[in-house]
Amino acid sequence: MAFSEYLADRVRARLKQSGIVEERKMMGGLIFMVNSKMCVGVDMDKKTQQDRLMVRVGKLPYQDLLNKKGSRVMDFTGSVMRGFLFIDKEGFDLDEDLDFWVEKAVEFNELLIKE
């Protein structure tokens, strides 16, 4: 499994107050499940060998968030997975940028809990 423990620690610290958090190694990386729902993941892009973040943001804000620095479609399976985004390093390297993405993923996770 190829992922940065440093990045995983940074995400872990931000999720401490977000409910019940479980960690699962899957899809070649580490997925953070919040309240039993996939929320945030960390892995390494096989093509570039760079760390990346996976965030689950839902379909409503998807198009706007796709225009943010470092954001791109999640096409892990070969087709676009709407509601999920990959964030490249330039989009989460700064603490405030990582805070932004984790907050967006947690906001969507909270909507799932209410359903």
PDB file of N, CA and C in Angstrom:
ATOM      1  N   MET A   1       0.853  -1.180   0.000  1.00  0.00           N
ATOM      2  CA  MET A   1       0.000   0.000   0.000  1.00  0.00           C
ATOM      3  C   MET A   1       0.892   1.233   0.000  1.00  0.00           C
ATOM      4  N   ALA A   2       0.675   2.092  -0.958  1.00  0.00           N
ATOM      5  CA  ALA A   2       1.517   3.271  -1.091  1.00  0.00           C
ATOM      6  C   ALA A   2       0.730   4.518  -0.709  1.00  0.00           C
ATOM      7  N   PHE A   3       1.055   5.047   0.449  1.00  0.00           N
ATOM      8  CA  PHE A   3       0.492   6.327   0.860  1.00  0.00           C
ATOM      9  C   PHE A   3       1.428   6.950   1.885  1.00  0.00           C
ATOM     10  N   SER A   4       1.322   8.235   2.028  1.00  0.00           N
ATOM     11  CA  SER A   4       2.180   8.979   2.940  1.00  0.00           C
ATOM     12  C   SER A   4       1.610   8.935   4.358  1.00  0.00           C
ATOM     13  N   GLU A   5       2.403   8.388   5.284  1.00  0.00           N
ATOM     14  CA  GLU A   5       1.981   8.393   6.696  1.00  0.00           C
ATOM     15  C   GLU A   5       1.862   9.830   7.210  1.00  0.00           C
ATOM     16  N   TYR A   6       2.730  10.699   6.707  1.00  0.00           N
ATOM     17  CA  TYR A   6       2.669  12.108   7.116  1.00  0.00           C
ATOM     18  C   TYR A   6       1.332  12.724   6.718  1.00  0.00           C
ATOM     19  N   LEU A   7       0.900  12.499   5.486  1.00  0.00           N
ATOM     20  CA  LEU A   7      -0.387  13.021   5.036  1.00  0.00           C
ATOM     21  C   LEU A   7      -1.522  12.363   5.814  1.00  0.00           C
ATOM     22  N   ALA A   8      -1.427  11.058   6.041  1.00  0.00           N
ATOM     23  CA  ALA A   8      -2.458  10.362   6.829  1.00  0.00           C
ATOM     24  C   ALA A   8      -2.561  10.962   8.222  1.00  0.00           C
ATOM     25  N   ASP A   9      -1.433  11.278   8.846  1.00  0.00           N
ATOM     26  CA  ASP A   9      -1.444  11.903  10.176  1.00  0.00           C
ATOM     27  C   ASP A   9      -2.091  13.282  10.143  1.00  0.00           C
ATOM     28  N   ARG A  10      -1.825  14.033   9.087  1.00  0.00           N
ATOM     29  CA  ARG A  10      -2.425  15.367   8.961  1.00  0.00           C
ATOM     30  C   ARG A  10      -3.947  15.263   8.850  1.00  0.00           C
ATOM     31  N   VAL A  11      -4.428  14.307   8.069  1.00  0.00           N
ATOM     32  CA  VAL A  11      -5.873  14.111   7.918  1.00  0.00           C
ATOM     33  C   VAL A  11      -6.461  13.601   9.225  1.00  0.00           C
ATOM     34  N   ARG A  12      -5.815  12.625   9.833  1.00  0.00           N
ATOM     35  CA  ARG A  12      -6.262  12.031  11.098  1.00  0.00           C
ATOM     36  C   ARG A  12      -6.486  13.114  12.164  1.00  0.00           C
ATOM     37  N   ALA A  13      -5.554  14.045  12.268  1.00  0.00           N
ATOM     38  CA  ALA A  13      -5.659  15.118  13.257  1.00  0.00           C
ATOM     39  C   ALA A  13      -6.882  15.990  13.014  1.00  0.00           C
ATOM     40  N   ARG A  14      -7.253  16.181  11.774  1.00  0.00           N
ATOM     41  CA  ARG A  14      -8.398  17.024  11.435  1.00  0.00           C
ATOM     42  C   ARG A  14      -9.733  16.300  11.623  1.00  0.00           C
ATOM     43  N   LEU A  15      -9.693  14.994  11.666  1.00  0.00           N
ATOM     44  CA  LEU A  15     -10.935  14.221  11.794  1.00  0.00           C
ATOM     45  C   LEU A  15     -11.267  13.824  13.234  1.00  0.00           C
ATOM     46  N   LYS A  16     -10.421  14.187  14.167  1.00  0.00           N
ATOM     47  CA  LYS A  16     -10.611  13.763  15.559  1.00  0.00           C
ATOM     48  C   LYS A  16     -12.000  14.075  16.118  1.00  0.00           C
ATOM     49  N   GLN A  17     -12.565  15.201  15.771  1.00  0.00           N
ATOM     50  CA  GLN A  17     -13.846  15.633  16.330  1.00  0.00           C
ATOM     51  C   GLN A  17     -15.024  15.355  15.404  1.00  0.00           C
ATOM     52  N   SER A  18     -14.857  14.507  14.426  1.00  0.00           N
ATOM     53  CA  SER A  18     -15.867  14.340  13.379  1.00  0.00           C
ATOM     54  C   SER A  18     -16.774  13.130  13.546  1.00  0.00           C
ATOM     55  N   GLY A  19     -16.813  12.551  14.707  1.00  0.00           N
ATOM     56  CA  GLY A  19     -17.652  11.372  14.895  1.00  0.00           C
ATOM     57  C   GLY A  19     -16.785  10.136  15.014  1.00  0.00           C
ATOM     58  N   ILE A  20     -17.351   9.005  14.729  1.00  0.00           N
ATOM     59  CA  ILE A  20     -16.635   7.737  14.820  1.00  0.00           C
ATOM     60  C   ILE A  20     -15.804   7.568  13.545  1.00  0.00           C
ATOM     61  N   VAL A  21     -14.502   7.536  13.705  1.00  0.00           N
ATOM     62  CA  VAL A  21     -13.597   7.440  12.562  1.00  0.00           C
ATOM     63  C   VAL A  21     -12.937   6.062  12.551  1.00  0.00           C
ATOM     64  N   GLU A  22     -13.040   5.397  11.425  1.00  0.00           N
ATOM     65  CA  GLU A  22     -12.359   4.123  11.211  1.00  0.00           C
ATOM     66  C   GLU A  22     -11.402   4.308  10.042  1.00  0.00           C
ATOM     67  N   GLU A  23     -10.336   3.560  10.047  1.00  0.00           N
ATOM     68  CA  GLU A  23      -9.373   3.594   8.951  1.00  0.00           C
ATOM     69  C   GLU A  23      -9.365   2.235   8.283  1.00  0.00           C
ATOM     70  N   ARG A  24      -9.415   2.256   6.956  1.00  0.00           N
ATOM     71  CA  ARG A  24      -9.394   1.005   6.193  1.00  0.00           C
ATOM     72  C   ARG A  24      -8.407   1.136   5.050  1.00  0.00           C
ATOM     73  N   LYS A  25      -7.560   0.152   4.925  1.00  0.00           N
ATOM     74  CA  LYS A  25      -6.645   0.114   3.787  1.00  0.00           C
ATOM     75  C   LYS A  25      -7.414  -0.492   2.622  1.00  0.00           C
ATOM     76  N   MET A  26      -7.569   0.294   1.578  1.00  0.00           N
ATOM     77  CA  MET A  26      -8.263  -0.174   0.380  1.00  0.00           C
ATOM     78  C   MET A  26      -7.879   0.704  -0.795  1.00  0.00           C
ATOM     79  N   MET A  27      -8.105   0.204  -1.979  1.00  0.00           N
ATOM     80  CA  MET A  27      -7.836   0.930  -3.219  1.00  0.00           C
ATOM     81  C   MET A  27      -6.398   1.437  -3.274  1.00  0.00           C
ATOM     82  N   GLY A  28      -5.483   0.703  -2.669  1.00  0.00           N
ATOM     83  CA  GLY A  28      -4.077   1.077  -2.713  1.00  0.00           C
ATOM     84  C   GLY A  28      -3.698   2.197  -1.770  1.00  0.00           C
ATOM     85  N   GLY A  29      -4.593   2.582  -0.897  1.00  0.00           N
ATOM     86  CA  GLY A  29      -4.308   3.672   0.030  1.00  0.00           C
ATOM     87  C   GLY A  29      -5.004   3.465   1.355  1.00  0.00           C
ATOM     88  N   LEU A  30      -5.260   4.554   2.049  1.00  0.00           N
ATOM     89  CA  LEU A  30      -5.917   4.535   3.346  1.00  0.00           C
ATOM     90  C   LEU A  30      -7.173   5.382   3.257  1.00  0.00           C
ATOM     91  N   ILE A  31      -8.307   4.784   3.602  1.00  0.00           N
ATOM     92  CA  ILE A  31      -9.594   5.478   3.572  1.00  0.00           C
ATOM     93  C   ILE A  31     -10.042   5.745   5.000  1.00  0.00           C
ATOM     94  N   PHE A  32     -10.481   6.965   5.237  1.00  0.00           N
ATOM     95  CA  PHE A  32     -11.040   7.334   6.530  1.00  0.00           C
ATOM     96  C   PHE A  32     -12.557   7.287   6.413  1.00  0.00           C
ATOM     97  N   MET A  33     -13.147   6.402   7.187  1.00  0.00           N
ATOM     98  CA  MET A  33     -14.597   6.256   7.243  1.00  0.00           C
ATOM     99  C   MET A  33     -15.073   7.049   8.457  1.00  0.00           C
ATOM    100  N   VAL A  34     -16.011   7.950   8.253  1.00  0.00           N
ATOM    101  CA  VAL A  34     -16.579   8.722   9.358  1.00  0.00           C
ATOM    102  C   VAL A  34     -18.034   8.289   9.497  1.00  0.00           C
ATOM    103  N   ASN A  35     -18.380   7.824  10.691  1.00  0.00           N
ATOM    104  CA  ASN A  35     -19.722   7.302  10.945  1.00  0.00           C
ATOM    105  C   ASN A  35     -20.120   6.255   9.900  1.00  0.00           C
ATOM    106  N   SER A  36     -19.190   5.368   9.607  1.00  0.00           N
ATOM    107  CA  SER A  36     -19.362   4.241   8.677  1.00  0.00           C
ATOM    108  C   SER A  36     -19.549   4.643   7.219  1.00  0.00           C
ATOM    109  N   LYS A  37     -19.225   5.879   6.872  1.00  0.00           N
ATOM    110  CA  LYS A  37     -19.342   6.361   5.492  1.00  0.00           C
ATOM    111  C   LYS A  37     -17.966   6.797   4.995  1.00  0.00           C
ATOM    112  N   MET A  38     -17.649   6.461   3.749  1.00  0.00           N
ATOM    113  CA  MET A  38     -16.386   6.883   3.159  1.00  0.00           C
ATOM    114  C   MET A  38     -16.342   8.406   3.123  1.00  0.00           C
ATOM    115  N   CYS A  39     -15.242   8.979   3.629  1.00  0.00           N
ATOM    116  CA  CYS A  39     -15.151  10.439   3.749  1.00  0.00           C
ATOM    117  C   CYS A  39     -13.922  11.002   3.034  1.00  0.00           C
ATOM    118  N   VAL A  40     -12.740  10.574   3.446  1.00  0.00           N
ATOM    119  CA  VAL A  40     -11.477  11.094   2.921  1.00  0.00           C
ATOM    120  C   VAL A  40     -10.520   9.925   2.739  1.00  0.00           C
ATOM    121  N   GLY A  41      -9.672  10.009   1.735  1.00  0.00           N
ATOM    122  CA  GLY A  41      -8.661   8.987   1.536  1.00  0.00           C
ATOM    123  C   GLY A  41      -7.332   9.598   1.149  1.00  0.00           C
ATOM    124  N   VAL A  42      -6.275   8.858   1.398  1.00  0.00           N
ATOM    125  CA  VAL A  42      -4.938   9.268   0.976  1.00  0.00           C
ATOM    126  C   VAL A  42      -4.306   8.109   0.218  1.00  0.00           C
ATOM    127  N   ASP A  43      -3.624   8.428  -0.857  1.00  0.00           N
ATOM    128  CA  ASP A  43      -2.887   7.423  -1.613  1.00  0.00           C
ATOM    129  C   ASP A  43      -1.819   8.108  -2.443  1.00  0.00           C
ATOM    130  N   MET A  44      -1.236   7.352  -3.337  1.00  0.00           N
ATOM    131  CA  MET A  44      -0.217   7.899  -4.223  1.00  0.00           C
ATOM    132  C   MET A  44      -0.673   7.662  -5.661  1.00  0.00           C
ATOM    133  N   ASP A  45      -0.612   8.695  -6.462  1.00  0.00           N
ATOM    134  CA  ASP A  45      -0.956   8.586  -7.877  1.00  0.00           C
ATOM    135  C   ASP A  45       0.096   7.705  -8.547  1.00  0.00           C
ATOM    136  N   LYS A  46      -0.338   6.613  -9.125  1.00  0.00           N
ATOM    137  CA  LYS A  46       0.599   5.664  -9.742  1.00  0.00           C
ATOM    138  C   LYS A  46       1.360   6.273 -10.927  1.00  0.00           C
ATOM    139  N   LYS A  47       0.723   7.208 -11.631  1.00  0.00           N
ATOM    140  CA  LYS A  47       1.376   7.811 -12.802  1.00  0.00           C
ATOM    141  C   LYS A  47       2.458   8.800 -12.398  1.00  0.00           C
ATOM    142  N   THR A  48       2.158   9.647 -11.410  1.00  0.00           N
ATOM    143  CA  THR A  48       3.082  10.717 -11.038  1.00  0.00           C
ATOM    144  C   THR A  48       3.926  10.395  -9.811  1.00  0.00           C
ATOM    145  N   GLN A  49       3.541   9.350  -9.071  1.00  0.00           N
ATOM    146  CA  GLN A  49       4.202   8.994  -7.810  1.00  0.00           C
ATOM    147  C   GLN A  49       4.101  10.108  -6.776  1.00  0.00           C
ATOM    148  N   GLN A  50       3.067  10.937  -6.883  1.00  0.00           N
ATOM    149  CA  GLN A  50       2.834  12.034  -5.944  1.00  0.00           C
ATOM    150  C   GLN A  50       1.676  11.680  -5.010  1.00  0.00           C
ATOM    151  N   ASP A  51       1.761  12.195  -3.782  1.00  0.00           N
ATOM    152  CA  ASP A  51       0.658  12.019  -2.840  1.00  0.00           C
ATOM    153  C   ASP A  51      -0.586  12.688  -3.391  1.00  0.00           C
ATOM    154  N   ARG A  52      -1.731  12.107  -3.055  1.00  0.00           N
ATOM    155  CA  ARG A  52      -2.981  12.763  -3.409  1.00  0.00           C
ATOM    156  C   ARG A  52      -4.026  12.436  -2.350  1.00  0.00           C
ATOM    157  N   LEU A  53      -5.035  13.250  -2.365  1.00  0.00           N
ATOM    158  CA  LEU A  53      -6.135  13.154  -1.423  1.00  0.00           C
ATOM    159  C   LEU A  53      -7.380  12.784  -2.216  1.00  0.00           C
ATOM    160  N   MET A  54      -8.232  11.990  -1.642  1.00  0.00           N
ATOM    161  CA  MET A  54      -9.538  11.707  -2.223  1.00  0.00           C
ATOM    162  C   MET A  54     -10.561  12.271  -1.247  1.00  0.00           C
ATOM    163  N   VAL A  55     -11.476  13.075  -1.750  1.00  0.00           N
ATOM    164  CA  VAL A  55     -12.518  13.618  -0.886  1.00  0.00           C
ATOM    165  C   VAL A  55     -13.891  13.306  -1.470  1.00  0.00           C
ATOM    166  N   ARG A  56     -14.808  12.966  -0.590  1.00  0.00           N
ATOM    167  CA  ARG A  56     -16.183  12.715  -0.993  1.00  0.00           C
ATOM    168  C   ARG A  56     -16.977  13.963  -0.644  1.00  0.00           C
ATOM    169  N   VAL A  57     -17.430  14.674  -1.676  1.00  0.00           N
ATOM    170  CA  VAL A  57     -18.087  15.968  -1.459  1.00  0.00           C
ATOM    171  C   VAL A  57     -19.546  15.981  -1.908  1.00  0.00           C
ATOM    172  N   GLY A  58     -20.000  14.925  -2.536  1.00  0.00           N
ATOM    173  CA  GLY A  58     -21.372  14.894  -3.027  1.00  0.00           C
ATOM    174  C   GLY A  58     -21.493  15.537  -4.394  1.00  0.00           C
ATOM    175  N   LYS A  59     -22.665  15.422  -4.971  1.00  0.00           N
ATOM    176  CA  LYS A  59     -22.869  15.892  -6.342  1.00  0.00           C
ATOM    177  C   LYS A  59     -23.237  17.369  -6.447  1.00  0.00           C
ATOM    178  N   LEU A  60     -23.814  17.948  -5.397  1.00  0.00           N
ATOM    179  CA  LEU A  60     -24.251  19.344  -5.496  1.00  0.00           C
ATOM    180  C   LEU A  60     -23.099  20.336  -5.647  1.00  0.00           C
ATOM    181  N   PRO A  61     -22.089  20.327  -4.759  1.00  0.00           N
ATOM    182  CA  PRO A  61     -21.005  21.313  -4.908  1.00  0.00           C
ATOM    183  C   PRO A  61     -19.891  20.851  -5.842  1.00  0.00           C
ATOM    184  N   TYR A  62     -20.065  19.697  -6.435  1.00  0.00           N
ATOM    185  CA  TYR A  62     -19.014  19.042  -7.210  1.00  0.00           C
ATOM    186  C   TYR A  62     -18.404  19.956  -8.269  1.00  0.00           C
ATOM    187  N   GLN A  63     -19.243  20.551  -9.108  1.00  0.00           N
ATOM    188  CA  GLN A  63     -18.745  21.356 -10.229  1.00  0.00           C
ATOM    189  C   GLN A  63     -17.949  22.563  -9.743  1.00  0.00           C
ATOM    190  N   ASP A  64     -18.431  23.256  -8.696  1.00  0.00           N
ATOM    191  CA  ASP A  64     -17.703  24.407  -8.157  1.00  0.00           C
ATOM    192  C   ASP A  64     -16.360  23.983  -7.562  1.00  0.00           C
ATOM    193  N   LEU A  65     -16.357  22.887  -6.832  1.00  0.00           N
ATOM    194  CA  LEU A  65     -15.128  22.433  -6.184  1.00  0.00           C
ATOM    195  C   LEU A  65     -14.115  21.899  -7.188  1.00  0.00           C
ATOM    196  N   LEU A  66     -14.591  21.463  -8.317  1.00  0.00           N
ATOM    197  CA  LEU A  66     -13.710  20.965  -9.368  1.00  0.00           C
ATOM    198  C   LEU A  66     -12.803  22.076  -9.903  1.00  0.00           C
ATOM    199  N   ASN A  67     -13.203  23.321  -9.706  1.00  0.00           N
ATOM    200  CA  ASN A  67     -12.418  24.469 -10.175  1.00  0.00           C
ATOM    201  C   ASN A  67     -11.381  24.952  -9.162  1.00  0.00           C
ATOM    202  N   LYS A  68     -11.310  24.327  -7.989  1.00  0.00           N
ATOM    203  CA  LYS A  68     -10.349  24.732  -6.958  1.00  0.00           C
ATOM    204  C   LYS A  68      -8.949  24.209  -7.289  1.00  0.00           C
ATOM    205  N   LYS A  69      -7.961  24.889  -6.760  1.00  0.00           N
ATOM    206  CA  LYS A  69      -6.553  24.538  -6.969  1.00  0.00           C
ATOM    207  C   LYS A  69      -6.280  23.070  -6.600  1.00  0.00           C
ATOM    208  N   GLY A  70      -5.701  22.323  -7.529  1.00  0.00           N
ATOM    209  CA  GLY A  70      -5.309  20.948  -7.287  1.00  0.00           C
ATOM    210  C   GLY A  70      -6.411  19.922  -7.459  1.00  0.00           C
ATOM    211  N   SER A  71      -7.632  20.375  -7.663  1.00  0.00           N
ATOM    212  CA  SER A  71      -8.782  19.476  -7.745  1.00  0.00           C
ATOM    213  C   SER A  71      -8.947  18.920  -9.154  1.00  0.00           C
ATOM    214  N   ARG A  72      -9.331  17.651  -9.217  1.00  0.00           N
ATOM    215  CA  ARG A  72      -9.630  17.034 -10.509  1.00  0.00           C
ATOM    216  C   ARG A  72     -10.611  15.891 -10.300  1.00  0.00           C
ATOM    217  N   VAL A  73     -11.182  15.431 -11.387  1.00  0.00           N
ATOM    218  CA  VAL A  73     -12.165  14.355 -11.296  1.00  0.00           C
ATOM    219  C   VAL A  73     -11.511  13.093 -10.742  1.00  0.00           C
ATOM    220  N   MET A  74     -12.286  12.319 -10.035  1.00  0.00           N
ATOM    221  CA  MET A  74     -11.814  11.032  -9.561  1.00  0.00           C
ATOM    222  C   MET A  74     -12.214   9.997 -10.599  1.00  0.00           C
ATOM    223  N   ASP A  75     -11.219   9.426 -11.230  1.00  0.00           N
ATOM    224  CA  ASP A  75     -11.471   8.441 -12.280  1.00  0.00           C
ATOM    225  C   ASP A  75     -10.721   7.146 -11.984  1.00  0.00           C
ATOM    226  N   PHE A  76     -10.754   6.761 -10.751  1.00  0.00           N
ATOM    227  CA  PHE A  76     -10.033   5.590 -10.256  1.00  0.00           C
ATOM    228  C   PHE A  76     -10.380   4.326 -11.046  1.00  0.00           C
ATOM    229  N   THR A  77     -11.631   4.177 -11.401  1.00  0.00           N
ATOM    230  CA  THR A  77     -12.091   2.968 -12.083  1.00  0.00           C
ATOM    231  C   THR A  77     -12.021   3.089 -13.605  1.00  0.00           C
ATOM    232  N   GLY A  78     -11.559   4.227 -14.108  1.00  0.00           N
ATOM    233  CA  GLY A  78     -11.533   4.462 -15.547  1.00  0.00           C
ATOM    234  C   GLY A  78     -12.690   5.325 -16.005  1.00  0.00           C
ATOM    235  N   SER A  79     -13.687   5.466 -15.158  1.00  0.00           N
ATOM    236  CA  SER A  79     -14.783   6.386 -15.462  1.00  0.00           C
ATOM    237  C   SER A  79     -14.922   7.360 -14.291  1.00  0.00           C
ATOM    238  N   VAL A  80     -15.461   8.521 -14.571  1.00  0.00           N
ATOM    239  CA  VAL A  80     -15.573   9.583 -13.567  1.00  0.00           C
ATOM    240  C   VAL A  80     -16.550   9.164 -12.474  1.00  0.00           C
ATOM    241  N   MET A  81     -16.124   9.324 -11.234  1.00  0.00           N
ATOM    242  CA  MET A  81     -16.979   9.043 -10.084  1.00  0.00           C
ATOM    243  C   MET A  81     -17.467  10.379  -9.532  1.00  0.00           C
ATOM    244  N   ARG A  82     -18.637  10.809  -9.998  1.00  0.00           N
ATOM    245  CA  ARG A  82     -19.167  12.104  -9.555  1.00  0.00           C
ATOM    246  C   ARG A  82     -19.444  12.076  -8.051  1.00  0.00           C
ATOM    247  N   GLY A  83     -19.133  13.188  -7.420  1.00  0.00           N
ATOM    248  CA  GLY A  83     -19.294  13.277  -5.975  1.00  0.00           C
ATOM    249  C   GLY A  83     -17.998  13.026  -5.224  1.00  0.00           C
ATOM    250  N   PHE A  84     -16.995  12.519  -5.944  1.00  0.00           N
ATOM    251  CA  PHE A  84     -15.666  12.277  -5.385  1.00  0.00           C
ATOM    252  C   PHE A  84     -14.652  13.067  -6.197  1.00  0.00           C
ATOM    253  N   LEU A  85     -13.648  13.607  -5.527  1.00  0.00           N
ATOM    254  CA  LEU A  85     -12.588  14.361  -6.202  1.00  0.00           C
ATOM    255  C   LEU A  85     -11.221  13.859  -5.757  1.00  0.00           C
ATOM    256  N   PHE A  86     -10.271  13.897  -6.663  1.00  0.00           N
ATOM    257  CA  PHE A  86      -8.864  13.754  -6.312  1.00  0.00           C
ATOM    258  C   PHE A  86      -8.321  15.164  -6.127  1.00  0.00           C
ATOM    259  N   ILE A  87      -7.489  15.344  -5.116  1.00  0.00           N
ATOM    260  CA  ILE A  87      -6.813  16.616  -4.883  1.00  0.00           C
ATOM    261  C   ILE A  87      -5.320  16.338  -4.935  1.00  0.00           C
ATOM    262  N   ASP A  88      -4.653  16.985  -5.883  1.00  0.00           N
ATOM    263  CA  ASP A  88      -3.211  16.838  -6.010  1.00  0.00           C
ATOM    264  C   ASP A  88      -2.505  17.704  -4.968  1.00  0.00           C
ATOM    265  N   LYS A  89      -1.225  17.451  -4.782  1.00  0.00           N
ATOM    266  CA  LYS A  89      -0.455  18.056  -3.689  1.00  0.00           C
ATOM    267  C   LYS A  89      -0.583  19.573  -3.593  1.00  0.00           C
ATOM    268  N   GLU A  90      -0.597  20.262  -4.718  1.00  0.00           N
ATOM    269  CA  GLU A  90      -0.695  21.731  -4.651  1.00  0.00           C
ATOM    270  C   GLU A  90      -2.021  22.187  -4.058  1.00  0.00           C
ATOM    271  N   GLY A  91      -2.992  21.304  -3.983  1.00  0.00           N
ATOM    272  CA  GLY A  91      -4.298  21.641  -3.425  1.00  0.00           C
ATOM    273  C   GLY A  91      -4.440  21.348  -1.941  1.00  0.00           C
ATOM    274  N   PHE A  92      -3.455  20.658  -1.332  1.00  0.00           N
ATOM    275  CA  PHE A  92      -3.559  20.365   0.105  1.00  0.00           C
ATOM    276  C   PHE A  92      -2.252  20.565   0.864  1.00  0.00           C
ATOM    277  N   ASP A  93      -1.222  21.031   0.197  1.00  0.00           N
ATOM    278  CA  ASP A  93       0.079  21.176   0.830  1.00  0.00           C
ATOM    279  C   ASP A  93       0.032  22.144   2.015  1.00  0.00           C
ATOM    280  N   LEU A  94      -0.661  23.266   1.840  1.00  0.00           N
ATOM    281  CA  LEU A  94      -0.805  24.230   2.935  1.00  0.00           C
ATOM    282  C   LEU A  94      -1.883  23.748   3.901  1.00  0.00           C
ATOM    283  N   ASP A  95      -1.684  23.998   5.186  1.00  0.00           N
ATOM    284  CA  ASP A  95      -2.650  23.559   6.201  1.00  0.00           C
ATOM    285  C   ASP A  95      -4.052  24.074   5.935  1.00  0.00           C
ATOM    286  N   GLU A  96      -4.155  25.339   5.533  1.00  0.00           N
ATOM    287  CA  GLU A  96      -5.501  25.898   5.309  1.00  0.00           C
ATOM    288  C   GLU A  96      -6.188  25.238   4.113  1.00  0.00           C
ATOM    289  N   ASP A  97      -5.416  24.801   3.134  1.00  0.00           N
ATOM    290  CA  ASP A  97      -6.004  24.087   2.001  1.00  0.00           C
ATOM    291  C   ASP A  97      -6.482  22.695   2.415  1.00  0.00           C
ATOM    292  N   LEU A  98      -5.670  21.989   3.198  1.00  0.00           N
ATOM    293  CA  LEU A  98      -6.085  20.675   3.683  1.00  0.00           C
ATOM    294  C   LEU A  98      -7.315  20.818   4.590  1.00  0.00           C
ATOM    295  N   ASP A  99      -7.320  21.837   5.436  1.00  0.00           N
ATOM    296  CA  ASP A  99      -8.492  22.105   6.284  1.00  0.00           C
ATOM    297  C   ASP A  99      -9.748  22.250   5.429  1.00  0.00           C
ATOM    298  N   PHE A 100      -9.650  23.010   4.353  1.00  0.00           N
ATOM    299  CA  PHE A 100     -10.783  23.251   3.467  1.00  0.00           C
ATOM    300  C   PHE A 100     -11.350  21.937   2.941  1.00  0.00           C
ATOM    301  N   TRP A 101     -10.477  21.072   2.420  1.00  0.00           N
ATOM    302  CA  TRP A 101     -10.955  19.830   1.806  1.00  0.00           C
ATOM    303  C   TRP A 101     -11.532  18.865   2.821  1.00  0.00           C
ATOM    304  N   VAL A 102     -10.891  18.760   3.974  1.00  0.00           N
ATOM    305  CA  VAL A 102     -11.424  17.865   5.007  1.00  0.00           C
ATOM    306  C   VAL A 102     -12.772  18.390   5.489  1.00  0.00           C
ATOM    307  N   GLU A 103     -12.903  19.702   5.650  1.00  0.00           N
ATOM    308  CA  GLU A 103     -14.184  20.281   6.062  1.00  0.00           C
ATOM    309  C   GLU A 103     -15.284  19.993   5.041  1.00  0.00           C
ATOM    310  N   LYS A 104     -14.979  20.107   3.764  1.00  0.00           N
ATOM    311  CA  LYS A 104     -15.977  19.824   2.718  1.00  0.00           C
ATOM    312  C   LYS A 104     -16.420  18.359   2.778  1.00  0.00           C
ATOM    313  N   ALA A 105     -15.476  17.457   2.982  1.00  0.00           N
ATOM    314  CA  ALA A 105     -15.808  16.032   3.065  1.00  0.00           C
ATOM    315  C   ALA A 105     -16.647  15.745   4.313  1.00  0.00           C
ATOM    316  N   VAL A 106     -16.307  16.353   5.430  1.00  0.00           N
ATOM    317  CA  VAL A 106     -17.060  16.143   6.670  1.00  0.00           C
ATOM    318  C   VAL A 106     -18.463  16.742   6.558  1.00  0.00           C
ATOM    319  N   GLU A 107     -18.576  17.902   5.918  1.00  0.00           N
ATOM    320  CA  GLU A 107     -19.903  18.515   5.715  1.00  0.00           C
ATOM    321  C   GLU A 107     -20.811  17.564   4.942  1.00  0.00           C
ATOM    322  N   PHE A 108     -20.293  16.950   3.889  1.00  0.00           N
ATOM    323  CA  PHE A 108     -21.108  16.013   3.122  1.00  0.00           C
ATOM    324  C   PHE A 108     -21.423  14.774   3.949  1.00  0.00           C
ATOM    325  N   ASN A 109     -20.445  14.306   4.711  1.00  0.00           N
ATOM    326  CA  ASN A 109     -20.656  13.138   5.571  1.00  0.00           C
ATOM    327  C   ASN A 109     -21.802  13.389   6.557  1.00  0.00           C
ATOM    328  N   GLU A 110     -21.881  14.592   7.083  1.00  0.00           N
ATOM    329  CA  GLU A 110     -22.951  14.919   8.032  1.00  0.00           C
ATOM    330  C   GLU A 110     -24.315  14.880   7.363  1.00  0.00           C
ATOM    331  N   LEU A 111     -24.389  15.239   6.088  1.00  0.00           N
ATOM    332  CA  LEU A 111     -25.650  15.132   5.346  1.00  0.00           C
ATOM    333  C   LEU A 111     -26.065  13.669   5.195  1.00  0.00           C
ATOM    334  N   LEU A 112     -25.110  12.780   5.007  1.00  0.00           N
ATOM    335  CA  LEU A 112     -25.411  11.362   4.853  1.00  0.00           C
ATOM    336  C   LEU A 112     -25.972  10.766   6.146  1.00  0.00           C
ATOM    337  N   ILE A 113     -25.495  11.259   7.264  1.00  0.00           N
ATOM    338  CA  ILE A 113     -25.944  10.754   8.564  1.00  0.00           C
ATOM    339  C   ILE A 113     -27.415  11.096   8.793  1.00  0.00           C
ATOM    340  N   LYS A 114     -27.837  12.252   8.303  1.00  0.00           N
ATOM    341  CA  LYS A 114     -29.213  12.721   8.509  1.00  0.00           C
ATOM    342  C   LYS A 114     -30.223  11.944   7.684  1.00  0.00           C
ATOM    343  N   GLU A 115     -29.741  11.247   6.654  1.00  0.00           N
ATOM    344  CA  GLU A 115     -30.666  10.497   5.777  1.00  0.00           C
ATOM    345  C   GLU A 115     -31.207   9.276   6.472  1.00  0.00           C
TER     346      GLU A 115
END
